[in-house]
Amino acid sequence: DALDDRLFFFFLRTNKNTGVQSIWTAHNFEVDSSGVANTTGNRDGCRWYEIRNFSTTPSLYQSGTFYDPAVTNPRFFWMPSVVANGQGHMALGSSTAGIGRYAEIVTAGRLYSDPIGTTQSFTLVQTSSTPYNITATNPQRWGDYSQTVVDPNDDMTIWTFQEYCNAANSWGVRVFQLIA
């Protein structure tokens, strides 16, 4: 269940190196093994966006899709949040799970110098060894929480707050510091 495909939290950012303002936002949706939106795609992915040109008509500068291309038993990614720091480096945090996998936390990102629209491989930052099966029927309802922010003290360090299954039928929130 992709929950909802509307855009989640957005972040307005001014790149300190270039002076360019942009909005960063993300959402999850169902994709296929090539990352294309597809209602029979059998996995959830996250798409992030950078929107620019606020003095005229706002326009999409770049976007990327974060998903598992595995042909069988893919990971699902949902509840993403994304931010860029003062250097223009982007980080995304989200929940992840799949068949035989429990609700865990991943982060991924891109450096300012990376090719436009690309996302580096994910890092599994919090594992789980317990199931989350609160309701009697699927899909299981998740807590709907995700936030990724830039530390105002240095405008470089990124913090992400994400949910995972911390005990049987329970979810917890973990905070991770991502160093620039």
Protein backbone atom coordinates (compact mmCIF):
# COMPACT_ATOMS: atom_id res chain seq x y z
CA ASP A 1 0.00 0.00 0.00
CA ALA A 2 1.60 3.24 -1.12
CA LEU A 3 -0.58 5.07 1.48
CA ASP A 4 -0.98 8.22 -0.56
CA ASP A 5 0.89 9.71 -3.50
CA ARG A 6 0.52 13.38 -2.54
CA LEU A 7 3.66 15.40 -1.91
CA PHE A 8 4.89 15.31 1.68
CA PHE A 9 6.74 17.97 3.66
CA PHE A 10 8.65 20.48 1.54
CA PHE A 11 11.74 22.53 2.30
CA LEU A 12 12.64 25.93 0.84
CA ARG A 13 16.41 26.22 0.50
CA THR A 14 18.93 28.83 -0.67
CA ASN A 15 22.17 27.24 -1.86
CA LYS A 16 24.98 29.21 -0.16
CA ASN A 17 27.42 28.50 -3.02
CA THR A 18 25.16 29.61 -5.88
CA GLY A 19 22.48 31.78 -4.21
CA VAL A 20 19.80 29.76 -6.05
CA GLN A 21 16.54 29.18 -4.17
CA SER A 22 14.74 25.87 -4.54
CA ILE A 23 11.98 23.80 -2.99
CA TRP A 24 12.70 20.16 -2.19
CA THR A 25 9.85 17.68 -1.67
CA ALA A 26 9.08 13.97 -2.10
CA HIS A 27 6.30 11.38 -2.18
CA ASN A 28 5.87 7.62 -2.52
CA PHE A 29 3.97 5.72 -5.17
CA GLU A 30 3.81 2.29 -6.79
CA VAL A 31 6.52 1.57 -9.36
CA ASP A 32 7.75 -1.38 -11.40
CA SER A 33 11.27 -2.87 -11.43
CA SER A 34 12.49 -0.05 -13.71
CA GLY A 35 11.15 2.71 -11.41
CA VAL A 36 8.26 3.70 -13.67
CA ALA A 37 4.89 4.51 -12.04
CA ASN A 38 2.72 1.46 -12.57
CA THR A 39 -0.38 0.27 -10.67
CA THR A 40 0.83 -3.33 -11.09
CA GLY A 41 4.44 -2.52 -10.23
CA ASN A 42 4.53 -4.64 -7.05
CA ARG A 43 6.72 -2.22 -5.03
CA ASP A 44 6.68 1.29 -3.60
CA GLY A 45 9.33 3.81 -4.49
CA CYS A 46 10.03 7.40 -3.50
CA ARG A 47 10.35 10.27 -5.91
CA TRP A 48 12.03 13.51 -4.91
CA TYR A 49 11.88 16.89 -6.64
CA GLU A 50 13.85 20.13 -6.77
CA ILE A 51 11.74 23.07 -8.01
CA ARG A 52 13.29 26.42 -9.01
CA ASN A 53 12.49 29.74 -10.77
CA PHE A 54 10.38 31.56 -8.20
CA SER A 55 10.78 34.97 -9.82
CA THR A 56 8.83 33.75 -12.88
CA THR A 57 6.96 30.47 -13.27
CA PRO A 58 8.25 27.77 -10.90
CA SER A 59 9.63 24.80 -12.80
CA LEU A 60 11.06 21.38 -12.12
CA TYR A 61 14.85 21.55 -12.11
CA GLN A 62 15.49 17.89 -11.30
CA SER A 63 13.85 14.81 -9.83
CA GLY A 64 14.85 11.26 -9.06
CA THR A 65 13.15 8.00 -8.18
CA PHE A 66 14.45 5.92 -5.32
CA TYR A 67 13.31 2.29 -5.65
CA ASP A 68 14.50 -1.33 -5.55
CA PRO A 69 15.06 -2.74 -9.07
CA ALA A 70 15.12 -6.37 -7.86
CA VAL A 71 13.05 -8.61 -10.11
CA THR A 72 11.82 -10.68 -7.16
CA ASN A 73 11.33 -9.85 -3.47
CA PRO A 74 11.94 -6.11 -3.76
CA ARG A 75 12.18 -3.66 -0.88
CA PHE A 76 9.36 -1.15 -0.57
CA PHE A 77 10.18 2.48 0.34
CA TRP A 78 7.57 4.85 1.74
CA MET A 79 7.07 7.96 3.88
CA PRO A 80 10.05 9.85 2.41
CA SER A 81 11.31 13.23 3.46
CA VAL A 82 14.04 15.12 1.64
CA VAL A 83 16.18 18.18 2.22
CA ALA A 84 19.26 19.88 0.74
CA ASN A 85 21.90 21.55 2.89
CA GLY A 86 23.67 24.86 2.29
CA GLN A 87 26.23 23.12 0.08
CA GLY A 88 23.49 21.69 -2.15
CA HIS A 89 23.90 18.07 -0.98
CA MET A 90 20.57 16.23 -0.68
CA ALA A 91 19.49 13.56 1.81
CA LEU A 92 16.35 11.44 1.82
CA GLY A 93 15.07 9.33 4.72
CA SER A 94 12.26 6.78 4.57
CA SER A 95 10.79 3.60 5.97
CA THR A 96 11.44 0.34 4.14
CA ALA A 97 10.13 -3.23 4.31
CA GLY A 98 9.22 -6.09 2.02
CA ILE A 99 8.27 -9.74 1.96
CA GLY A 100 10.20 -11.38 4.79
CA ARG A 101 11.58 -7.98 5.88
CA TYR A 102 10.44 -5.91 8.81
CA ALA A 103 9.85 -2.15 8.89
CA GLU A 104 13.30 -0.54 8.93
CA ILE A 105 14.91 2.82 8.10
CA VAL A 106 17.04 3.82 5.11
CA THR A 107 18.76 6.98 3.96
CA ALA A 108 20.06 7.92 0.54
CA GLY A 109 21.32 11.07 -1.02
CA ARG A 110 23.15 12.88 -3.74
CA LEU A 111 26.10 15.21 -3.70
CA TYR A 112 25.77 18.58 -5.39
CA SER A 113 28.36 17.37 -7.93
CA ASP A 114 26.44 14.17 -8.77
CA PRO A 115 24.67 14.00 -12.14
CA ILE A 116 21.29 15.80 -12.13
CA GLY A 117 18.39 13.57 -11.04
CA THR A 118 20.50 10.77 -9.58
CA THR A 119 20.30 9.23 -6.14
CA GLN A 120 23.12 7.23 -4.61
CA SER A 121 22.51 3.74 -3.21
CA PHE A 122 20.60 3.55 0.03
CA THR A 123 22.10 2.83 3.43
CA LEU A 124 20.12 0.69 5.87
CA VAL A 125 20.57 2.70 9.08
CA GLN A 126 18.12 0.88 11.38
CA THR A 127 17.21 -2.79 11.17
CA SER A 128 14.31 -4.59 12.82
CA SER A 129 13.74 -8.21 13.80
CA THR A 130 10.07 -7.93 14.74
CA PRO A 131 6.79 -7.81 12.79
CA TYR A 132 4.20 -5.06 12.73
CA ASN A 133 0.73 -6.61 12.34
CA ILE A 134 -1.68 -4.42 14.29
CA THR A 135 -4.76 -4.89 12.10
CA ALA A 136 -6.41 -8.18 11.20
CA THR A 137 -6.26 -7.44 7.45
CA ASN A 138 -3.65 -6.04 5.09
CA PRO A 139 -2.46 -3.48 4.40
CA GLN A 140 -1.14 -2.68 7.84
CA ARG A 141 -1.48 0.99 8.78
CA TRP A 142 1.82 2.74 9.46
CA GLY A 143 2.40 5.83 11.62
CA ASP A 144 2.89 8.35 8.80
CA TYR A 145 5.90 10.15 10.18
CA SER A 146 9.07 11.25 8.39
CA GLN A 147 11.14 14.40 8.60
CA THR A 148 14.60 15.31 7.33
CA VAL A 149 16.04 18.72 8.26
CA VAL A 150 19.24 20.76 8.09
CA ASP A 151 20.95 21.72 11.33
CA PRO A 152 20.72 25.54 11.61
CA ASN A 153 24.01 25.66 13.54
CA ASP A 154 26.17 24.79 10.52
CA ASP A 155 23.77 24.56 7.53
CA MET A 156 25.54 21.33 6.54
CA THR A 157 24.65 18.56 9.00
CA ILE A 158 21.39 16.81 8.19
CA TRP A 159 19.12 15.11 10.72
CA THR A 160 16.48 12.57 9.76
CA PHE A 161 13.63 11.36 11.97
CA GLN A 162 12.13 8.07 10.78
CA GLU A 163 9.88 5.25 11.97
CA TYR A 164 10.74 1.58 12.29
CA CYS A 165 9.33 -1.48 14.05
CA ASN A 166 11.08 -1.34 17.45
CA ALA A 167 9.23 -4.31 19.01
CA ALA A 168 6.47 -6.68 17.99
CA ASN A 169 3.47 -4.60 16.84
CA SER A 170 5.09 -1.36 17.94
CA TRP A 171 6.77 1.46 16.11
CA GLY A 172 9.42 3.83 17.32
CA VAL A 173 11.13 6.91 15.94
CA ARG A 174 14.90 7.07 15.52
CA VAL A 175 16.97 10.17 14.87
CA PHE A 176 20.07 9.96 12.68
CA GLN A 177 22.73 12.56 12.10
CA LEU A 178 24.06 12.66 8.54
CA ILE A 179 27.41 14.46 8.42
CA ALA A 180 28.17 16.62 5.40
